[in-house]
C-alpha atoms as a PDB file:
ATOM      1  CA  UNK A   1       2.572  18.555  -5.431  1.00  0.00           C
ATOM      2  CA  UNK A   2       5.338  19.326  -7.895  1.00  0.00           C
ATOM      3  CA  UNK A   3       5.956  16.794 -10.627  1.00  0.00           C
ATOM      4  CA  UNK A   4       9.101  14.702 -10.368  1.00  0.00           C
ATOM      5  CA  UNK A   5      10.973  14.911 -13.703  1.00  0.00           C
ATOM      6  CA  UNK A   6      10.734  11.674 -15.690  1.00  0.00           C
ATOM      7  CA  UNK A   7      14.489  10.908 -15.724  1.00  0.00           C
ATOM      8  CA  UNK A   8      14.677  11.313 -11.926  1.00  0.00           C
ATOM      9  CA  UNK A   9      11.503   9.276 -11.422  1.00  0.00           C
ATOM     10  CA  UNK A  10      12.816   6.474 -13.642  1.00  0.00           C
ATOM     11  CA  UNK A  11      16.222   6.405 -11.945  1.00  0.00           C
ATOM     12  CA  UNK A  12      14.648   6.139  -8.497  1.00  0.00           C
ATOM     13  CA  UNK A  13      12.072   3.582  -9.687  1.00  0.00           C
ATOM     14  CA  UNK A  14      14.840   1.341 -11.054  1.00  0.00           C
ATOM     15  CA  UNK A  15      16.757   1.630  -7.803  1.00  0.00           C
ATOM     16  CA  UNK A  16      13.690   0.856  -5.686  1.00  0.00           C
ATOM     17  CA  UNK A  17      12.638  -2.095  -7.839  1.00  0.00           C
ATOM     18  CA  UNK A  18      16.129  -3.591  -7.633  1.00  0.00           C
ATOM     19  CA  UNK A  19      16.051  -3.226  -3.852  1.00  0.00           C
ATOM     20  CA  UNK A  20      12.514  -4.657  -3.737  1.00  0.00           C
ATOM     21  CA  UNK A  21      13.790  -7.679  -5.684  1.00  0.00           C
ATOM     22  CA  UNK A  22      16.636  -8.106  -3.185  1.00  0.00           C
ATOM     23  CA  UNK A  23      14.219  -7.855  -0.254  1.00  0.00           C
ATOM     24  CA  UNK A  24      11.744 -10.373  -1.698  1.00  0.00           C
ATOM     25  CA  UNK A  25       9.116  -7.627  -1.661  1.00  0.00           C
ATOM     26  CA  UNK A  26       6.053  -9.797  -2.280  1.00  0.00           C
ATOM     27  CA  UNK A  27       6.917 -11.999   0.683  1.00  0.00           C
ATOM     28  CA  UNK A  28       7.529  -9.159   3.173  1.00  0.00           C
ATOM     29  CA  UNK A  29       5.143  -8.539   6.035  1.00  0.00           C
ATOM     30  CA  UNK A  30       3.413  -5.182   6.303  1.00  0.00           C
ATOM     31  CA  UNK A  31       5.769  -4.285   9.172  1.00  0.00           C
ATOM     32  CA  UNK A  32       8.838  -5.038   7.044  1.00  0.00           C
ATOM     33  CA  UNK A  33       7.421  -3.068   4.128  1.00  0.00           C
ATOM     34  CA  UNK A  34       6.757  -0.118   6.398  1.00  0.00           C
ATOM     35  CA  UNK A  35      10.361  -0.253   7.602  1.00  0.00           C
ATOM     36  CA  UNK A  36      11.569  -0.289   3.980  1.00  0.00           C
ATOM     37  CA  UNK A  37       9.415   2.747   3.155  1.00  0.00           C
ATOM     38  CA  UNK A  38      10.910   4.562   6.150  1.00  0.00           C
ATOM     39  CA  UNK A  39      14.485   3.706   5.058  1.00  0.00           C
ATOM     40  CA  UNK A  40      13.814   4.847   1.504  1.00  0.00           C
ATOM     41  CA  UNK A  41      12.174   8.062   2.677  1.00  0.00           C
ATOM     42  CA  UNK A  42      15.214   8.834   4.836  1.00  0.00           C
ATOM     43  CA  UNK A  43      17.755   7.764   2.190  1.00  0.00           C
ATOM     44  CA  UNK A  44      19.450  10.890   0.766  1.00  0.00           C
ATOM     45  CA  UNK A  45      19.573   9.356  -2.713  1.00  0.00           C
ATOM     46  CA  UNK A  46      15.877   8.458  -2.722  1.00  0.00           C
ATOM     47  CA  UNK A  47      13.883  10.540  -0.242  1.00  0.00           C
ATOM     48  CA  UNK A  48      16.439  13.339  -0.376  1.00  0.00           C
ATOM     49  CA  UNK A  49      16.215  13.532  -4.161  1.00  0.00           C
ATOM     50  CA  UNK A  50      12.424  13.361  -4.137  1.00  0.00           C
ATOM     51  CA  UNK A  51      12.424  16.077  -1.461  1.00  0.00           C
ATOM     52  CA  UNK A  52      13.563  18.543  -4.107  1.00  0.00           C
ATOM     53  CA  UNK A  53      10.173  18.075  -5.814  1.00  0.00           C
ATOM     54  CA  UNK A  54       7.830  16.961  -3.038  1.00  0.00           C
ATOM     55  CA  UNK A  55       6.939  18.052   0.481  1.00  0.00           C
ATOM     56  CA  UNK A  56       8.397  15.825   3.199  1.00  0.00           C
ATOM     57  CA  UNK A  57       4.986  14.328   4.020  1.00  0.00           C
ATOM     58  CA  UNK A  58       4.403  13.420   0.363  1.00  0.00           C
ATOM     59  CA  UNK A  59       7.604  11.417  -0.173  1.00  0.00           C
ATOM     60  CA  UNK A  60       6.527   8.141   1.459  1.00  0.00           C
ATOM     61  CA  UNK A  61       3.135   8.219  -0.259  1.00  0.00           C
ATOM     62  CA  UNK A  62       4.821   8.924  -3.603  1.00  0.00           C
ATOM     63  CA  UNK A  63       7.234   6.014  -3.138  1.00  0.00           C
ATOM     64  CA  UNK A  64       4.392   3.678  -2.184  1.00  0.00           C
ATOM     65  CA  UNK A  65       1.716   4.710  -4.673  1.00  0.00           C
ATOM     66  CA  UNK A  66       3.653   5.971  -7.674  1.00  0.00           C
ATOM     67  CA  UNK A  67       6.826   3.901  -7.667  1.00  0.00           C
ATOM     68  CA  UNK A  68       6.104   0.605  -5.902  1.00  0.00           C
ATOM     69  CA  UNK A  69       2.413   0.003  -6.550  1.00  0.00           C
ATOM     70  CA  UNK A  70       3.164  -0.951 -10.184  1.00  0.00           C
ATOM     71  CA  UNK A  71       6.045  -3.209  -9.064  1.00  0.00           C
ATOM     72  CA  UNK A  72       3.986  -6.272  -8.148  1.00  0.00           C
ATOM     73  CA  UNK A  73       1.570  -5.731 -11.010  1.00  0.00           C
ATOM     74  CA  UNK A  74       4.382  -5.697 -13.566  1.00  0.00           C
ATOM     75  CA  UNK A  75       6.160  -8.652 -11.959  1.00  0.00           C
ATOM     76  CA  UNK A  76       2.973 -10.689 -12.429  1.00  0.00           C
ATOM     77  CA  UNK A  77       2.043  -9.424 -15.886  1.00  0.00           C
ATOM     78  CA  UNK A  78       3.419 -12.367 -17.887  1.00  0.00           C
ATOM     79  CA  UNK A  79       0.807 -15.139 -17.879  1.00  0.00           C
ATOM     80  CA  UNK A  80       3.118 -17.871 -19.192  1.00  0.00           C
ATOM     81  CA  UNK A  81       4.763 -18.895 -15.881  1.00  0.00           C
ATOM     82  CA  UNK A  82       1.327 -19.161 -14.284  1.00  0.00           C
ATOM     83  CA  UNK A  83      -0.063 -21.282 -17.084  1.00  0.00           C
ATOM     84  CA  UNK A  84       2.979 -23.528 -16.779  1.00  0.00           C
ATOM     85  CA  UNK A  85       2.401 -23.807 -13.003  1.00  0.00           C
ATOM     86  CA  UNK A  86      -1.149 -24.947 -13.762  1.00  0.00           C
ATOM     87  CA  UNK A  87       0.114 -27.602 -16.178  1.00  0.00           C
ATOM     88  CA  UNK A  88      -1.147 -25.668 -19.194  1.00  0.00           C
ATOM     89  CA  UNK A  89       0.826 -24.949 -22.364  1.00  0.00           C
ATOM     90  CA  UNK A  90       2.288 -21.474 -21.721  1.00  0.00           C
ATOM     91  CA  UNK A  91       1.773 -20.572 -25.368  1.00  0.00           C
ATOM     92  CA  UNK A  92      -1.977 -21.271 -25.285  1.00  0.00           C
ATOM     93  CA  UNK A  93      -4.046 -18.672 -27.098  1.00  0.00           C
ATOM     94  CA  UNK A  94      -5.473 -15.996 -24.787  1.00  0.00           C
ATOM     95  CA  UNK A  95      -8.901 -14.645 -25.738  1.00  0.00           C
ATOM     96  CA  UNK A  96      -9.390 -12.293 -22.795  1.00  0.00           C
ATOM     97  CA  UNK A  97      -7.231 -10.998 -19.962  1.00  0.00           C
ATOM     98  CA  UNK A  98      -7.532  -8.954 -16.802  1.00  0.00           C
ATOM     99  CA  UNK A  99      -5.477  -7.212 -14.162  1.00  0.00           C
ATOM    100  CA  UNK A 100      -6.319  -6.604 -10.499  1.00  0.00           C
ATOM    101  CA  UNK A 101      -5.953  -9.535 -10.121  1.00  0.00           C
ATOM    102  CA  UNK A 102      -4.224 -10.815 -13.213  1.00  0.00           C
ATOM    103  CA  UNK A 103      -6.002 -13.458 -15.212  1.00  0.00           C
ATOM    104  CA  UNK A 104      -6.516 -14.929 -18.638  1.00  0.00           C
ATOM    105  CA  UNK A 105      -9.272 -16.775 -20.434  1.00  0.00           C
ATOM    106  CA  UNK A 106      -7.898 -19.228 -22.955  1.00  0.00           C
ATOM    107  CA  UNK A 107      -9.360 -20.218 -26.285  1.00  0.00           C
ATOM    108  CA  UNK A 108     -10.351 -23.614 -24.848  1.00  0.00           C
ATOM    109  CA  UNK A 109     -12.436 -22.021 -22.067  1.00  0.00           C
ATOM    110  CA  UNK A 110      -9.883 -22.434 -19.290  1.00  0.00           C
ATOM    111  CA  UNK A 111      -9.704 -19.452 -16.952  1.00  0.00           C
ATOM    112  CA  UNK A 112      -6.600 -18.875 -14.842  1.00  0.00           C
ATOM    113  CA  UNK A 113      -6.278 -16.071 -12.284  1.00  0.00           C
ATOM    114  CA  UNK A 114      -3.205 -15.401 -10.157  1.00  0.00           C
ATOM    115  CA  UNK A 115      -2.544 -13.199  -7.167  1.00  0.00           C
ATOM    116  CA  UNK A 116      -0.536 -12.943  -3.982  1.00  0.00           C
ATOM    117  CA  UNK A 117      -1.670 -15.426  -1.351  1.00  0.00           C
ATOM    118  CA  UNK A 118      -2.816 -12.621   0.916  1.00  0.00           C
ATOM    119  CA  UNK A 119      -5.187 -11.497  -1.875  1.00  0.00           C
ATOM    120  CA  UNK A 120      -6.909 -14.881  -2.119  1.00  0.00           C
ATOM    121  CA  UNK A 121     -10.399 -13.493  -1.450  1.00  0.00           C
ATOM    122  CA  UNK A 122     -10.072 -10.979  -4.277  1.00  0.00           C
ATOM    123  CA  UNK A 123      -8.753 -13.703  -6.602  1.00  0.00           C
ATOM    124  CA  UNK A 124     -11.622 -16.114  -5.886  1.00  0.00           C
ATOM    125  CA  UNK A 125     -14.195 -13.345  -6.152  1.00  0.00           C
ATOM    126  CA  UNK A 126     -12.685 -12.120  -9.424  1.00  0.00           C
ATOM    127  CA  UNK A 127     -12.845 -15.602 -10.944  1.00  0.00           C
ATOM    128  CA  UNK A 128     -16.458 -15.976  -9.873  1.00  0.00           C
ATOM    129  CA  UNK A 129     -17.488 -12.536 -11.129  1.00  0.00           C
ATOM    130  CA  UNK A 130     -15.554 -12.828 -14.380  1.00  0.00           C
ATOM    131  CA  UNK A 131     -17.016 -16.213 -15.213  1.00  0.00           C
ATOM    132  CA  UNK A 132     -20.553 -15.614 -13.957  1.00  0.00           C
ATOM    133  CA  UNK A 133     -23.080 -16.289 -16.731  1.00  0.00           C
ATOM    134  CA  UNK A 134     -20.348 -16.759 -19.338  1.00  0.00           C
ATOM    135  CA  UNK A 135     -20.923 -19.734 -21.585  1.00  0.00           C
ATOM    136  CA  UNK A 136     -17.308 -19.805 -22.809  1.00  0.00           C
ATOM    137  CA  UNK A 137     -15.738 -20.693 -19.438  1.00  0.00           C
ATOM    138  CA  UNK A 138     -14.953 -24.284 -18.557  1.00  0.00           C
ATOM    139  CA  UNK A 139     -12.495 -24.862 -15.752  1.00  0.00           C
ATOM    140  CA  UNK A 140     -11.446 -22.096 -13.407  1.00  0.00           C
ATOM    141  CA  UNK A 141      -8.090 -22.102 -11.640  1.00  0.00           C
ATOM    142  CA  UNK A 142      -6.545 -19.753  -9.096  1.00  0.00           C
ATOM    143  CA  UNK A 143      -2.810 -19.609  -8.466  1.00  0.00           C
ATOM    144  CA  UNK A 144      -1.666 -18.025  -5.227  1.00  0.00           C
ATOM    145  CA  UNK A 145       1.963 -17.077  -4.846  1.00  0.00           C
ATOM    146  CA  UNK A 146       4.240 -15.370  -2.363  1.00  0.00           C
ATOM    147  CA  UNK A 147       2.653 -17.611   0.235  1.00  0.00           C
ATOM    148  CA  UNK A 148       4.567 -16.589   3.352  1.00  0.00           C
ATOM    149  CA  UNK A 149       3.549 -16.455   7.003  1.00  0.00           C
ATOM    150  CA  UNK A 150       0.095 -17.771   7.770  1.00  0.00           C
ATOM    151  CA  UNK A 151      -0.379 -18.885   4.159  1.00  0.00           C
ATOM    152  CA  UNK A 152       2.108 -21.687   4.830  1.00  0.00           C
ATOM    153  CA  UNK A 153      -0.345 -23.093   7.394  1.00  0.00           C
ATOM    154  CA  UNK A 154      -2.333 -26.093   6.152  1.00  0.00           C
ATOM    155  CA  UNK A 155      -5.466 -24.903   8.008  1.00  0.00           C
ATOM    156  CA  UNK A 156      -5.448 -21.594   6.139  1.00  0.00           C
ATOM    157  CA  UNK A 157      -4.898 -23.415   2.860  1.00  0.00           C
ATOM    158  CA  UNK A 158      -7.825 -25.735   3.625  1.00  0.00           C
ATOM    159  CA  UNK A 159     -10.021 -22.696   4.315  1.00  0.00           C
ATOM    160  CA  UNK A 160      -9.062 -21.146   0.982  1.00  0.00           C
ATOM    161  CA  UNK A 161      -9.577 -24.485  -0.775  1.00  0.00           C
ATOM    162  CA  UNK A 162     -13.022 -24.840   0.761  1.00  0.00           C
ATOM    163  CA  UNK A 163     -14.015 -21.345  -0.365  1.00  0.00           C
ATOM    164  CA  UNK A 164     -12.814 -22.166  -3.890  1.00  0.00           C
ATOM    165  CA  UNK A 165     -14.775 -25.420  -3.888  1.00  0.00           C
ATOM    166  CA  UNK A 166     -17.969 -23.675  -2.815  1.00  0.00           C
ATOM    167  CA  UNK A 167     -17.548 -21.320  -5.780  1.00  0.00           C
ATOM    168  CA  UNK A 168     -16.918 -24.210  -8.175  1.00  0.00           C
ATOM    169  CA  UNK A 169     -13.263 -23.279  -8.634  1.00  0.00           C
ATOM    170  CA  UNK A 170     -10.594 -25.966  -8.746  1.00  0.00           C
ATOM    171  CA  UNK A 171      -8.405 -26.172  -5.609  1.00  0.00           C
ATOM    172  CA  UNK A 172      -5.898 -23.310  -5.637  1.00  0.00           C
ATOM    173  CA  UNK A 173      -2.341 -23.892  -6.734  1.00  0.00           C
ATOM    174  CA  UNK A 174       0.095 -22.573  -4.120  1.00  0.00           C
ATOM    175  CA  UNK A 175       3.425 -21.139  -5.228  1.00  0.00           C
ATOM    176  CA  UNK A 176       5.728 -20.335  -2.347  1.00  0.00           C
END
């Protein structure tokens, strides 16, 4: 695979991220995301430009893995809105932080982890693993956002809440 020059990569990334914002990327179904990848691959300004540096079969994978994979991660990088959603001072002192999923441990022992609703299992597991046998962790909170589709259903939310309870995690905070 030939390397896409940085200026071209950045120009296309900015364009894709703006379109992802317009589409409400984190709330799209897998089918809708697949359709967006197909449109971008066929778009002369995106797929056509990338086609000068990549084989046709590599374009979609490049868009997905190299340009859009960091999109959600970066959009969730700032912990302050999540602390605020949990009723915590957004300027609280962070003593440790993680990504995949994102999370922070605050000076007062409060742990907050946030992820997309569809990644709830990974979020609960991460909180449990991160806090296991740590003496400096008090309360543990999970915030789940982009809760579209089945994650609007109260039965699904009860299931997730029950799993959190069994792990000793406070009931999840849902951000739609």
